[in-house]
Amino acid sequence: MKKIGGINMSTVTRLTNTKEKASKRYCSVYESLEESLKEVKLIKEGKIKPKNWRDILKEIKEDKG
C-alpha cells in the first residue's frame, strides 16, 4: 500500500471508483487532491498567501449570503 502525503492511495482509488459518491461530488477525489497539491506548491513559492480557518469560514458565509 503506497502512501502519498499520509493518504493511502488505495483509499483514493476506492473513493474515485465509487460511482454513487462520484455523482454527488462537484469533482473527483483525484481532481480535488491535484488542485490541493497545486495550491501547496504556490504557497511554498510565495505566490499566494495561506488562509487560516477564520478566513475560509468568512468566505463560506459570504458565498451563502
Protein backbone atom coordinates (compact mmCIF):
# COMPACT_ATOMS: atom_id res chain seq x y z
CA MET A 1 0.00 0.00 0.00
CA LYS A 2 1.62 3.22 -1.17
CA LYS A 3 1.14 6.41 0.82
CA ILE A 4 1.43 9.92 -0.56
CA GLY A 5 1.35 12.72 1.99
CA GLY A 6 -0.21 10.44 4.60
CA ILE A 7 -3.01 9.32 2.26
CA ASN A 8 -3.37 5.68 1.30
CA MET A 9 -3.61 5.60 -2.47
CA SER A 10 -5.86 2.54 -2.27
CA THR A 11 -8.38 4.72 -0.41
CA VAL A 12 -8.20 7.39 -3.11
CA THR A 13 -8.70 4.74 -5.80
CA ARG A 14 -11.67 3.22 -3.95
CA LEU A 15 -13.35 6.62 -3.50
CA THR A 16 -12.65 7.64 -7.08
CA ASN A 17 -14.18 4.45 -8.43
CA THR A 18 -17.36 4.65 -6.34
CA LYS A 19 -19.99 5.78 -8.83
CA GLU A 20 -22.70 6.83 -6.39
CA LYS A 21 -20.33 9.07 -4.41
CA ALA A 22 -18.77 10.49 -7.57
CA SER A 23 -22.15 11.58 -8.90
CA LYS A 24 -22.73 13.75 -5.79
CA ARG A 25 -19.32 15.43 -5.94
CA TYR A 26 -18.55 18.56 -7.95
CA CYS A 27 -15.20 16.97 -8.84
CA SER A 28 -13.45 13.64 -8.33
CA VAL A 29 -11.18 12.88 -5.39
CA TYR A 30 -8.23 12.81 -7.78
CA GLU A 31 -9.06 16.29 -9.15
CA SER A 32 -9.51 17.68 -5.63
CA LEU A 33 -6.17 16.24 -4.49
CA GLU A 34 -4.43 17.54 -7.62
CA GLU A 35 -5.84 21.05 -7.02
CA SER A 36 -4.76 21.00 -3.38
CA LEU A 37 -1.21 20.00 -4.30
CA LYS A 38 -1.03 22.84 -6.83
CA GLU A 39 -2.13 25.29 -4.10
CA VAL A 40 0.53 23.96 -1.71
CA LYS A 41 3.17 24.45 -4.40
CA LEU A 42 2.06 28.08 -4.95
CA ILE A 43 2.09 28.74 -1.19
CA LYS A 44 5.64 27.37 -0.91
CA GLU A 45 6.74 29.56 -3.83
CA GLY A 46 5.19 32.58 -2.10
CA LYS A 47 2.79 33.31 -4.96
CA ILE A 48 -0.33 33.03 -2.79
CA LYS A 49 -0.92 33.66 0.90
CA PRO A 50 -2.02 30.70 3.04
CA LYS A 51 -5.50 31.01 4.55
CA ASN A 52 -6.48 30.23 8.11
CA TRP A 53 -9.79 28.69 9.18
CA ARG A 54 -11.33 32.05 10.04
CA ASP A 55 -10.71 33.34 6.52
CA ILE A 56 -12.18 30.20 4.97
CA LEU A 57 -15.31 30.32 7.17
CA LYS A 58 -15.75 34.00 6.33
CA GLU A 59 -15.65 33.20 2.60
CA ILE A 60 -18.18 30.38 3.01
CA LYS A 61 -20.58 32.65 4.87
CA GLU A 62 -20.21 35.35 2.20
CA ASP A 63 -20.94 32.81 -0.57
CA LYS A 64 -24.14 31.66 1.17
CA GLY A 65 -25.45 35.16 1.85
